[in-house]
């Protein structure tokens, strides 16, 4: 079952836990959601629909090409995953709330683990490195998608500089620069991985 944004449109505005509860047969969202889903599947197929939602999102996370350099490849996959998550409302919450082992999720993990193994990491380190990259991208996307319109106004308050001088001596509004913040954090992860490469003489 291949789903696109139009298929998940009826679920907009509902949190990932609420959507999962619907798949378990305990919808309490009124007729709008139940009528929209009734045309696509009966009650037994709701869970199948919910399981396919992460797949539909992750399908966009797989770039056609690849990079020879391991850092460039990890960077490509991380940015592609972030773009796919942000392209769907609550995409990070939907993907993060699912452990369904399906084709697109497994293919993404296969590529990342493969990069780590070719770089020289052993099986466990390659798996952990993959989880580190994936969870970082997921967490950043989740925070960005949780941003409210008044977030910038709530960053400071009267007396903030006196109470938290170290924090508020920085330009705290830069925390909302998600693009540059993401690139910076990914660079830290790549730098840490680089230091852990066995022998450090691999590409």
N, C-alpha and C. Protein backbone atom coordinates (compact mmCIF):
# COMPACT_ATOMS: atom_id res chain seq x y z
N UNK A 1 0.85 -1.19 0.00
CA UNK A 1 0.00 0.00 0.00
C UNK A 1 0.88 1.24 0.00
N UNK A 2 0.88 1.98 -1.07
CA UNK A 2 1.69 3.19 -1.18
C UNK A 2 0.82 4.39 -0.87
N UNK A 3 1.22 5.20 0.10
CA UNK A 3 0.46 6.36 0.52
C UNK A 3 1.22 7.63 0.24
N UNK A 4 0.49 8.65 -0.15
CA UNK A 4 1.08 9.95 -0.34
C UNK A 4 0.44 10.93 0.62
N UNK A 5 0.82 12.22 0.54
CA UNK A 5 0.25 13.22 1.43
C UNK A 5 -1.27 13.26 1.38
N UNK A 6 -1.86 13.03 0.21
CA UNK A 6 -3.32 13.09 0.11
C UNK A 6 -3.98 12.01 0.94
N UNK A 7 -3.33 10.85 1.08
CA UNK A 7 -3.91 9.75 1.83
C UNK A 7 -3.88 10.01 3.33
N UNK A 8 -2.89 10.75 3.77
CA UNK A 8 -2.78 11.01 5.20
C UNK A 8 -3.45 12.32 5.59
N UNK A 9 -4.02 13.02 4.65
CA UNK A 9 -4.66 14.31 4.91
C UNK A 9 -5.73 14.22 5.99
N UNK A 10 -6.58 13.17 6.01
CA UNK A 10 -7.61 13.10 7.04
C UNK A 10 -7.05 13.02 8.45
N UNK A 11 -5.79 12.64 8.61
CA UNK A 11 -5.19 12.48 9.92
C UNK A 11 -4.47 13.72 10.40
N UNK A 12 -4.47 14.78 9.58
CA UNK A 12 -3.80 16.00 9.98
C UNK A 12 -4.42 16.55 11.27
N UNK A 13 -3.56 17.06 12.14
CA UNK A 13 -4.05 17.67 13.36
C UNK A 13 -4.15 16.73 14.54
N UNK A 14 -3.97 15.44 14.30
CA UNK A 14 -4.02 14.47 15.38
C UNK A 14 -2.61 14.01 15.71
N UNK A 15 -2.34 13.80 17.00
CA UNK A 15 -1.01 13.37 17.40
C UNK A 15 -0.79 11.91 17.05
N UNK A 16 0.49 11.51 17.02
CA UNK A 16 0.81 10.12 16.69
C UNK A 16 0.17 9.15 17.68
N UNK A 17 0.18 9.42 19.02
CA UNK A 17 -0.49 8.49 19.93
C UNK A 17 -1.98 8.37 19.66
N UNK A 18 -2.65 9.52 19.34
CA UNK A 18 -4.07 9.46 19.02
C UNK A 18 -4.33 8.63 17.79
N UNK A 19 -3.46 8.78 16.79
CA UNK A 19 -3.62 8.02 15.55
C UNK A 19 -3.46 6.54 15.83
N UNK A 20 -2.47 6.19 16.69
CA UNK A 20 -2.29 4.77 17.00
C UNK A 20 -3.49 4.22 17.76
N UNK A 21 -4.08 5.02 18.67
CA UNK A 21 -5.25 4.54 19.39
C UNK A 21 -6.40 4.27 18.44
N UNK A 22 -6.48 5.08 17.40
CA UNK A 22 -7.52 4.85 16.40
C UNK A 22 -7.31 3.50 15.73
N UNK A 23 -6.03 3.18 15.43
CA UNK A 23 -5.73 1.90 14.81
C UNK A 23 -6.07 0.74 15.72
N UNK A 24 -6.11 0.98 17.04
CA UNK A 24 -6.46 -0.07 17.99
C UNK A 24 -7.96 -0.17 18.20
N UNK A 25 -8.70 0.66 17.46
CA UNK A 25 -10.16 0.55 17.52
C UNK A 25 -10.80 1.43 18.56
N UNK A 26 -10.08 2.44 19.09
CA UNK A 26 -10.66 3.30 20.12
C UNK A 26 -10.70 4.75 19.65
N UNK A 27 -11.17 4.98 18.44
CA UNK A 27 -11.29 6.34 17.92
C UNK A 27 -12.32 7.12 18.73
N UNK A 28 -11.96 8.34 19.10
CA UNK A 28 -12.89 9.21 19.78
C UNK A 28 -12.77 10.63 19.21
N UNK A 29 -12.59 10.70 17.89
CA UNK A 29 -12.31 11.99 17.28
C UNK A 29 -13.51 12.57 16.55
N UNK A 30 -14.67 11.92 16.67
CA UNK A 30 -15.84 12.42 15.97
C UNK A 30 -15.93 11.88 14.57
N UNK A 31 -16.96 12.26 13.84
CA UNK A 31 -17.24 11.65 12.53
C UNK A 31 -16.25 12.01 11.44
N UNK A 32 -15.56 13.16 11.55
CA UNK A 32 -14.71 13.60 10.44
C UNK A 32 -13.64 12.56 10.12
N UNK A 33 -12.94 12.09 11.14
CA UNK A 33 -11.88 11.12 10.90
C UNK A 33 -12.45 9.77 10.51
N UNK A 34 -13.46 9.31 11.23
CA UNK A 34 -13.98 7.97 10.97
C UNK A 34 -14.61 7.86 9.60
N UNK A 35 -15.28 8.91 9.14
CA UNK A 35 -15.88 8.87 7.81
C UNK A 35 -14.81 8.87 6.74
N UNK A 36 -13.73 9.63 6.96
CA UNK A 36 -12.67 9.69 5.95
C UNK A 36 -11.96 8.35 5.81
N UNK A 37 -11.74 7.67 6.93
CA UNK A 37 -11.03 6.41 6.86
C UNK A 37 -11.92 5.25 6.44
N UNK A 38 -13.23 5.38 6.63
CA UNK A 38 -14.15 4.29 6.30
C UNK A 38 -14.14 3.97 4.83
N UNK A 39 -13.91 5.01 3.99
CA UNK A 39 -13.88 4.79 2.54
C UNK A 39 -12.64 4.04 2.11
N UNK A 40 -11.59 4.00 2.91
CA UNK A 40 -10.33 3.39 2.50
C UNK A 40 -10.15 1.98 3.05
N UNK A 41 -10.65 1.74 4.22
CA UNK A 41 -10.40 0.43 4.83
C UNK A 41 -11.41 0.19 5.92
N UNK A 42 -11.69 -1.07 6.19
CA UNK A 42 -12.55 -1.40 7.30
C UNK A 42 -11.72 -1.43 8.57
N UNK A 43 -12.36 -1.76 9.66
CA UNK A 43 -11.68 -1.69 10.95
C UNK A 43 -10.45 -2.58 11.01
N UNK A 44 -10.48 -3.70 10.38
CA UNK A 44 -9.34 -4.61 10.42
C UNK A 44 -8.14 -4.07 9.67
N UNK A 45 -8.37 -3.15 8.74
CA UNK A 45 -7.27 -2.63 7.93
C UNK A 45 -6.73 -1.29 8.45
N UNK A 46 -7.32 -0.79 9.52
CA UNK A 46 -6.84 0.50 10.03
C UNK A 46 -5.38 0.42 10.47
N UNK A 47 -5.04 -0.66 11.17
CA UNK A 47 -3.66 -0.78 11.63
C UNK A 47 -2.70 -0.88 10.46
N UNK A 48 -3.14 -1.58 9.41
CA UNK A 48 -2.29 -1.67 8.21
C UNK A 48 -2.06 -0.29 7.62
N UNK A 49 -3.10 0.53 7.62
CA UNK A 49 -2.96 1.90 7.12
C UNK A 49 -1.96 2.68 7.96
N UNK A 50 -2.09 2.55 9.28
CA UNK A 50 -1.19 3.29 10.17
C UNK A 50 0.25 2.80 10.03
N UNK A 51 0.42 1.51 9.82
CA UNK A 51 1.77 0.97 9.63
C UNK A 51 2.39 1.47 8.34
N UNK A 52 1.55 1.78 7.35
CA UNK A 52 2.08 2.23 6.07
C UNK A 52 2.44 3.71 6.09
N UNK A 53 1.91 4.47 7.04
CA UNK A 53 2.20 5.91 7.06
C UNK A 53 3.68 6.21 7.21
N UNK A 54 4.40 5.56 8.15
CA UNK A 54 5.84 5.81 8.21
C UNK A 54 6.55 5.41 6.92
N UNK A 55 6.08 4.33 6.28
CA UNK A 55 6.68 3.90 5.03
C UNK A 55 6.51 4.95 3.95
N UNK A 56 5.32 5.55 3.88
CA UNK A 56 5.08 6.58 2.87
C UNK A 56 6.01 7.78 3.07
N UNK A 57 6.28 8.10 4.33
CA UNK A 57 7.18 9.22 4.63
C UNK A 57 8.62 8.85 4.32
N UNK A 58 9.05 7.66 4.77
CA UNK A 58 10.44 7.25 4.59
C UNK A 58 10.78 6.94 3.14
N UNK A 59 9.77 6.72 2.32
CA UNK A 59 10.04 6.49 0.90
C UNK A 59 10.75 7.69 0.28
N UNK A 60 10.47 8.88 0.82
CA UNK A 60 11.09 10.11 0.31
C UNK A 60 12.47 10.34 0.90
N UNK A 61 12.88 9.47 1.84
CA UNK A 61 14.17 9.65 2.51
C UNK A 61 15.29 8.91 1.82
N UNK A 62 14.97 8.24 0.72
CA UNK A 62 15.99 7.42 0.04
C UNK A 62 16.42 8.11 -1.24
N UNK A 63 17.60 8.73 -1.25
CA UNK A 63 18.07 9.40 -2.47
C UNK A 63 18.41 8.39 -3.55
N UNK A 64 18.32 8.83 -4.80
CA UNK A 64 18.61 7.95 -5.93
C UNK A 64 20.10 7.61 -6.00
N UNK A 65 20.94 8.61 -5.79
CA UNK A 65 22.37 8.39 -5.91
C UNK A 65 23.02 8.15 -4.56
N UNK A 66 24.34 8.01 -4.59
CA UNK A 66 25.08 7.88 -3.35
C UNK A 66 26.43 8.56 -3.50
N UNK A 67 27.11 8.72 -2.39
CA UNK A 67 28.41 9.38 -2.36
C UNK A 67 29.49 8.35 -2.03
N UNK A 68 30.67 8.54 -2.59
CA UNK A 68 31.77 7.62 -2.32
C UNK A 68 32.38 7.87 -0.94
N UNK A 69 32.51 9.12 -0.56
CA UNK A 69 33.05 9.46 0.74
C UNK A 69 32.03 9.17 1.82
N UNK A 70 32.43 8.55 2.93
CA UNK A 70 31.48 8.13 3.95
C UNK A 70 30.79 9.32 4.61
N UNK A 71 31.51 10.39 4.86
CA UNK A 71 30.89 11.55 5.49
C UNK A 71 29.86 12.19 4.57
N UNK A 72 30.18 12.27 3.30
CA UNK A 72 29.24 12.85 2.33
C UNK A 72 27.99 11.98 2.22
N UNK A 73 28.16 10.66 2.29
CA UNK A 73 27.03 9.75 2.20
C UNK A 73 26.12 9.86 3.43
N UNK A 74 26.71 9.90 4.61
CA UNK A 74 25.91 10.06 5.83
C UNK A 74 25.20 11.41 5.82
N UNK A 75 25.89 12.45 5.39
CA UNK A 75 25.28 13.78 5.30
C UNK A 75 24.10 13.77 4.33
N UNK A 76 24.27 13.13 3.17
CA UNK A 76 23.20 13.04 2.19
C UNK A 76 21.98 12.34 2.77
N UNK A 77 22.19 11.20 3.41
CA UNK A 77 21.09 10.44 3.98
C UNK A 77 20.41 11.19 5.12
N UNK A 78 21.18 11.87 5.95
CA UNK A 78 20.62 12.61 7.08
C UNK A 78 19.75 13.77 6.59
N UNK A 79 20.25 14.51 5.62
CA UNK A 79 19.47 15.64 5.09
C UNK A 79 18.23 15.16 4.34
N UNK A 80 18.36 14.06 3.62
CA UNK A 80 17.21 13.52 2.89
C UNK A 80 16.13 13.04 3.88
N UNK A 81 16.55 12.40 4.96
CA UNK A 81 15.61 11.96 5.98
C UNK A 81 14.91 13.15 6.62
N UNK A 82 15.67 14.16 6.95
CA UNK A 82 15.08 15.36 7.56
C UNK A 82 14.06 15.99 6.63
N UNK A 83 14.40 16.11 5.37
CA UNK A 83 13.49 16.70 4.39
C UNK A 83 12.20 15.88 4.31
N UNK A 84 12.32 14.56 4.32
CA UNK A 84 11.14 13.70 4.22
C UNK A 84 10.24 13.86 5.45
N UNK A 85 10.84 13.94 6.63
CA UNK A 85 10.05 14.09 7.86
C UNK A 85 9.33 15.43 7.89
N UNK A 86 10.02 16.48 7.49
CA UNK A 86 9.43 17.82 7.54
C UNK A 86 8.40 18.04 6.44
N UNK A 87 8.40 17.20 5.43
CA UNK A 87 7.46 17.36 4.32
C UNK A 87 6.05 16.96 4.71
N UNK A 88 5.89 16.21 5.79
CA UNK A 88 4.59 15.77 6.26
C UNK A 88 4.34 16.34 7.66
N UNK A 89 3.16 16.91 7.86
CA UNK A 89 2.83 17.42 9.18
C UNK A 89 2.88 16.26 10.18
N UNK A 90 3.59 16.47 11.29
CA UNK A 90 3.78 15.46 12.31
C UNK A 90 4.50 14.23 11.77
N UNK A 91 5.28 14.42 10.70
CA UNK A 91 6.01 13.30 10.12
C UNK A 91 6.97 12.67 11.10
N UNK A 92 7.67 13.49 11.89
CA UNK A 92 8.62 12.95 12.85
C UNK A 92 7.92 12.16 13.94
N UNK A 93 6.76 12.64 14.38
CA UNK A 93 6.01 11.92 15.41
C UNK A 93 5.48 10.60 14.91
N UNK A 94 5.05 10.57 13.66
CA UNK A 94 4.52 9.34 13.08
C UNK A 94 5.62 8.30 12.92
N UNK A 95 6.75 8.73 12.38
CA UNK A 95 7.86 7.80 12.17
C UNK A 95 8.46 7.38 13.51
N UNK A 96 8.61 8.32 14.43
CA UNK A 96 9.19 8.00 15.73
C UNK A 96 8.34 7.08 16.57
N UNK A 97 7.04 7.07 16.32
CA UNK A 97 6.14 6.22 17.10
C UNK A 97 5.95 4.85 16.51
N UNK A 98 6.69 4.52 15.47
CA UNK A 98 6.51 3.23 14.81
C UNK A 98 7.82 2.46 14.77
N UNK A 99 7.73 1.18 15.11
CA UNK A 99 8.89 0.30 14.99
C UNK A 99 8.64 -0.75 13.91
N UNK A 100 7.71 -0.44 12.99
CA UNK A 100 7.39 -1.39 11.93
C UNK A 100 8.60 -1.59 11.03
N UNK A 101 8.99 -2.85 10.85
CA UNK A 101 10.13 -3.18 9.99
C UNK A 101 9.61 -3.41 8.58
N UNK A 102 9.67 -2.38 7.75
CA UNK A 102 9.17 -2.48 6.39
C UNK A 102 10.26 -2.04 5.42
N UNK A 103 9.91 -2.11 4.14
CA UNK A 103 10.94 -2.01 3.10
C UNK A 103 11.73 -0.71 3.18
N UNK A 104 11.05 0.43 3.23
CA UNK A 104 11.77 1.71 3.17
C UNK A 104 12.57 1.96 4.44
N UNK A 105 12.01 1.63 5.59
CA UNK A 105 12.75 1.83 6.84
C UNK A 105 13.97 0.92 6.90
N UNK A 106 13.81 -0.32 6.44
CA UNK A 106 14.93 -1.25 6.44
C UNK A 106 15.99 -0.87 5.41
N UNK A 107 15.55 -0.35 4.27
CA UNK A 107 16.49 0.07 3.24
C UNK A 107 17.34 1.24 3.72
N UNK A 108 16.70 2.19 4.40
CA UNK A 108 17.45 3.33 4.95
C UNK A 108 18.47 2.85 5.98
N UNK A 109 18.02 1.97 6.88
CA UNK A 109 18.95 1.43 7.88
C UNK A 109 20.07 0.64 7.23
N UNK A 110 19.75 -0.11 6.19
CA UNK A 110 20.76 -0.90 5.47
C UNK A 110 21.84 0.00 4.88
N UNK A 111 21.42 1.13 4.31
CA UNK A 111 22.40 2.03 3.71
C UNK A 111 23.31 2.65 4.76
N UNK A 112 22.72 3.08 5.86
CA UNK A 112 23.53 3.70 6.91
C UNK A 112 24.48 2.70 7.56
N UNK A 113 23.97 1.51 7.88
CA UNK A 113 24.83 0.50 8.46
C UNK A 113 25.94 0.12 7.49
N UNK A 114 25.59 0.02 6.21
CA UNK A 114 26.60 -0.32 5.20
C UNK A 114 27.71 0.71 5.13
N UNK A 115 27.34 1.98 5.21
CA UNK A 115 28.35 3.04 5.20
C UNK A 115 29.27 2.90 6.41
N UNK A 116 28.68 2.67 7.57
CA UNK A 116 29.48 2.55 8.79
C UNK A 116 30.40 1.34 8.73
N UNK A 117 29.92 0.24 8.19
CA UNK A 117 30.76 -0.97 8.10
C UNK A 117 31.92 -0.75 7.14
N UNK A 118 31.64 -0.10 6.00
CA UNK A 118 32.71 0.16 5.03
C UNK A 118 33.74 1.12 5.59
N UNK A 119 33.30 1.97 6.51
CA UNK A 119 34.22 2.92 7.12
C UNK A 119 35.16 2.25 8.11
N UNK A 120 34.76 1.07 8.61
CA UNK A 120 35.64 0.34 9.50
C UNK A 120 35.05 -0.01 10.85
N UNK A 121 33.82 0.40 11.12
CA UNK A 121 33.20 0.08 12.39
C UNK A 121 32.78 -1.38 12.43
N UNK A 122 32.85 -1.98 13.62
CA UNK A 122 32.37 -3.35 13.75
C UNK A 122 30.84 -3.36 13.75
N UNK A 123 30.26 -4.55 13.87
CA UNK A 123 28.82 -4.67 13.71
C UNK A 123 28.04 -3.85 14.74
N UNK A 124 28.43 -3.94 15.99
CA UNK A 124 27.72 -3.21 17.04
C UNK A 124 27.90 -1.71 16.88
N UNK A 125 29.13 -1.27 16.65
CA UNK A 125 29.40 0.16 16.49
C UNK A 125 28.67 0.73 15.27
N UNK A 126 28.60 -0.04 14.20
CA UNK A 126 27.88 0.41 13.01
C UNK A 126 26.39 0.59 13.30
N UNK A 127 25.83 -0.34 14.08
CA UNK A 127 24.42 -0.24 14.44
C UNK A 127 24.17 0.96 15.34
N UNK A 128 25.03 1.16 16.33
CA UNK A 128 24.86 2.29 17.23
C UNK A 128 25.07 3.62 16.52
N UNK A 129 26.03 3.67 15.61
CA UNK A 129 26.27 4.90 14.86
C UNK A 129 25.05 5.23 14.00
N UNK A 130 24.45 4.21 13.40
CA UNK A 130 23.24 4.41 12.61
C UNK A 130 22.11 4.94 13.47
N UNK A 131 21.94 4.36 14.66
CA UNK A 131 20.89 4.82 15.57
C UNK A 131 21.15 6.27 16.01
N UNK A 132 22.41 6.61 16.23
CA UNK A 132 22.76 7.97 16.64
C UNK A 132 22.35 8.99 15.58
N UNK A 133 22.68 8.71 14.33
CA UNK A 133 22.33 9.62 13.24
C UNK A 133 20.81 9.69 13.09
N UNK A 134 20.16 8.54 13.06
CA UNK A 134 18.71 8.52 12.84
C UNK A 134 17.97 9.26 13.96
N UNK A 135 18.35 8.98 15.22
CA UNK A 135 17.66 9.60 16.34
C UNK A 135 17.92 11.10 16.41
N UNK A 136 19.11 11.53 16.00
CA UNK A 136 19.39 12.96 15.97
C UNK A 136 18.48 13.66 14.96
N UNK A 137 18.39 13.12 13.76
CA UNK A 137 17.54 13.72 12.73
C UNK A 137 16.09 13.73 13.19
N UNK A 138 15.64 12.62 13.76
CA UNK A 138 14.26 12.52 14.22
C UNK A 138 13.96 13.53 15.31
N UNK A 139 14.85 13.66 16.28
CA UNK A 139 14.63 14.59 17.37
C UNK A 139 14.61 16.04 16.91
N UNK A 140 15.52 16.41 16.03
CA UNK A 140 15.52 17.78 15.51
C UNK A 140 14.25 18.08 14.74
N UNK A 141 13.81 17.13 13.92
CA UNK A 141 12.58 17.34 13.14
C UNK A 141 11.37 17.41 14.06
N UNK A 142 11.35 16.58 15.10
CA UNK A 142 10.23 16.59 16.03
C UNK A 142 10.11 17.94 16.74
N UNK A 143 11.24 18.48 17.16
CA UNK A 143 11.21 19.78 17.82
C UNK A 143 10.76 20.88 16.86
N UNK A 144 11.26 20.83 15.64
CA UNK A 144 10.88 21.86 14.67
C UNK A 144 9.39 21.79 14.37
N UNK A 145 8.84 20.59 14.26
CA UNK A 145 7.42 20.46 13.95
C UNK A 145 6.54 20.77 15.15
N UNK A 146 7.12 20.83 16.34
CA UNK A 146 6.37 21.19 17.54
C UNK A 146 6.39 22.69 17.80
N UNK A 147 7.11 23.43 16.96
CA UNK A 147 7.26 24.87 17.15
C UNK A 147 5.91 25.58 17.06
N UNK A 148 5.66 26.48 18.00
CA UNK A 148 4.43 27.27 17.98
C UNK A 148 4.75 28.68 17.50
N UNK A 149 3.70 29.39 17.10
CA UNK A 149 3.90 30.73 16.55
C UNK A 149 4.50 31.70 17.55
N UNK A 150 4.26 31.48 18.83
CA UNK A 150 4.75 32.43 19.83
C UNK A 150 6.04 31.96 20.49
N UNK A 151 6.71 30.98 19.86
CA UNK A 151 7.92 30.41 20.47
C UNK A 151 8.98 31.47 20.72
N UNK A 152 9.20 32.35 19.75
CA UNK A 152 10.24 33.37 19.89
C UNK A 152 9.93 34.31 21.06
N UNK A 153 8.67 34.64 21.24
CA UNK A 153 8.30 35.55 22.33
C UNK A 153 8.50 34.89 23.69
N UNK A 154 8.42 33.57 23.74
CA UNK A 154 8.53 32.87 25.01
C UNK A 154 9.97 32.48 25.35
N UNK A 155 10.92 32.88 24.50
CA UNK A 155 12.32 32.54 24.76
C UNK A 155 12.91 33.31 25.94
N UNK A 156 12.36 34.46 26.24
CA UNK A 156 12.91 35.28 27.32
C UNK A 156 11.78 35.80 28.21
N UNK A 157 12.14 36.36 29.32
CA UNK A 157 11.17 36.88 30.28
C UNK A 157 11.87 37.90 31.15
N UNK A 158 11.15 38.77 31.84
CA UNK A 158 11.78 39.79 32.70
C UNK A 158 12.70 39.14 33.73
N UNK A 159 13.90 39.66 33.82
CA UNK A 159 14.87 39.15 34.78
C UNK A 159 15.64 37.93 34.32
N UNK A 160 15.44 37.53 33.07
CA UNK A 160 16.09 36.32 32.58
C UNK A 160 17.61 36.43 32.61
N UNK A 161 18.13 37.59 32.19
CA UNK A 161 19.59 37.75 32.13
C UNK A 161 20.21 37.72 33.51
N UNK A 162 19.49 38.19 34.51
CA UNK A 162 20.02 38.19 35.87
C UNK A 162 19.96 36.79 36.47
N UNK A 163 18.91 36.04 36.15
CA UNK A 163 18.73 34.71 36.74
C UNK A 163 19.61 33.66 36.06
N UNK A 164 19.74 33.77 34.74
CA UNK A 164 20.51 32.79 33.96
C UNK A 164 21.51 33.54 33.07
N UNK A 165 22.54 34.14 33.68
CA UNK A 165 23.44 35.03 32.94
C UNK A 165 24.21 34.34 31.82
N UNK A 166 24.64 33.09 32.03
CA UNK A 166 25.40 32.41 30.98
C UNK A 166 24.52 32.13 29.76
N UNK A 167 23.34 31.60 30.01
CA UNK A 167 22.44 31.27 28.91
C UNK A 167 22.03 32.51 28.13
N UNK A 168 21.62 33.56 28.86
CA UNK A 168 21.08 34.73 28.18
C UNK A 168 22.13 35.75 27.78
N UNK A 169 23.41 35.39 27.95
CA UNK A 169 24.45 36.18 27.33
C UNK A 169 24.66 35.74 25.88
N UNK A 170 24.02 34.66 25.50
CA UNK A 170 24.07 34.17 24.12
C UNK A 170 22.85 34.69 23.35
N UNK A 171 22.91 34.70 22.03
CA UNK A 171 21.72 35.09 21.24
C UNK A 171 20.73 33.93 21.22
N UNK A 172 19.89 33.83 22.26
CA UNK A 172 19.04 32.66 22.43
C UNK A 172 18.08 32.45 21.27
N UNK A 173 17.79 33.50 20.54
CA UNK A 173 16.86 33.34 19.41
C UNK A 173 17.45 32.46 18.32
N UNK A 174 18.78 32.30 18.33
CA UNK A 174 19.42 31.44 17.34
C UNK A 174 19.05 29.98 17.51
N UNK A 175 18.47 29.63 18.65
CA UNK A 175 18.04 28.26 18.84
C UNK A 175 16.93 27.88 17.87
N UNK A 176 16.28 28.88 17.32
CA UNK A 176 15.20 28.64 16.36
C UNK A 176 15.69 28.62 14.92
N UNK A 177 16.98 28.77 14.73
CA UNK A 177 17.55 28.65 13.38
C UNK A 177 17.80 27.17 13.13
N UNK A 178 16.76 26.46 12.77
CA UNK A 178 16.82 25.00 12.71
C UNK A 178 17.75 24.48 11.63
N UNK A 179 17.86 25.17 10.52
CA UNK A 179 18.72 24.69 9.44
C UNK A 179 20.18 24.70 9.85
N UNK A 180 20.65 25.84 10.34
CA UNK A 180 22.05 25.93 10.75
C UNK A 180 22.33 25.08 11.98
N UNK A 181 21.36 25.02 12.88
CA UNK A 181 21.52 24.20 14.08
C UNK A 181 21.65 22.72 13.72
N UNK A 182 20.85 22.29 12.76
CA UNK A 182 20.91 20.90 12.33
C UNK A 182 22.27 20.59 11.71
N UNK A 183 22.74 21.47 10.84
CA UNK A 183 24.03 21.26 10.20
C UNK A 183 25.16 21.22 11.22
N UNK A 184 25.08 22.08 12.23
CA UNK A 184 26.11 22.12 13.27
C UNK A 184 26.12 20.82 14.06
N UNK A 185 24.95 20.36 14.49
CA UNK A 185 24.87 19.13 15.27
C UNK A 185 25.31 17.91 14.48
N UNK A 186 24.92 17.87 13.21
CA UNK A 186 25.35 16.75 12.37
C UNK A 186 26.87 16.75 12.22
N UNK A 187 27.44 17.94 12.11
CA UNK A 187 28.90 18.04 12.03
C UNK A 187 29.58 17.51 13.28
N UNK A 188 28.98 17.77 14.45
CA UNK A 188 29.53 17.24 15.70
C UNK A 188 29.49 15.71 15.71
N UNK A 189 28.39 15.16 15.23
CA UNK A 189 28.27 13.70 15.18
C UNK A 189 29.31 13.11 14.24
N UNK A 190 29.44 13.70 13.07
CA UNK A 190 30.42 13.20 12.10
C UNK A 190 31.84 13.31 12.65
N UNK A 191 32.11 14.41 13.34
CA UNK A 191 33.44 14.56 13.94
C UNK A 191 33.70 13.50 14.99
N UNK A 192 32.69 13.20 15.80
CA UNK A 192 32.86 12.16 16.81
C UNK A 192 33.06 10.79 16.19
N UNK A 193 32.31 10.49 15.12
CA UNK A 193 32.48 9.22 14.42
C UNK A 193 33.87 9.13 13.80
N UNK A 194 34.33 10.24 13.25
CA UNK A 194 35.65 10.26 12.62
C UNK A 194 36.73 9.87 13.62
N UNK A 195 36.57 10.33 14.86
CA UNK A 195 37.56 10.02 15.89
C UNK A 195 37.52 8.56 16.31
N UNK A 196 36.40 7.89 16.04
CA UNK A 196 36.23 6.51 16.47
C UNK A 196 36.59 5.50 15.38
N UNK A 197 36.92 5.97 14.19
CA UNK A 197 37.23 5.05 13.09
C UNK A 197 38.48 4.24 13.43
N UNK A 198 38.39 2.93 13.39
CA UNK A 198 39.58 2.11 13.67
C UNK A 198 40.72 2.41 12.71
N UNK A 199 41.86 2.76 13.23
CA UNK A 199 43.01 3.06 12.39
C UNK A 199 43.04 4.48 11.86
N UNK A 200 41.88 5.09 11.69
CA UNK A 200 41.74 6.48 11.21
C UNK A 200 42.46 6.75 9.90
N UNK A 201 42.73 5.70 9.13
CA UNK A 201 43.37 5.91 7.84
C UNK A 201 42.45 5.51 6.71
N UNK A 202 41.16 5.34 7.04
CA UNK A 202 40.18 4.97 6.02
C UNK A 202 39.54 6.23 5.45
N UNK A 203 38.98 6.15 4.23
CA UNK A 203 38.35 7.33 3.62
C UNK A 203 37.12 7.75 4.38
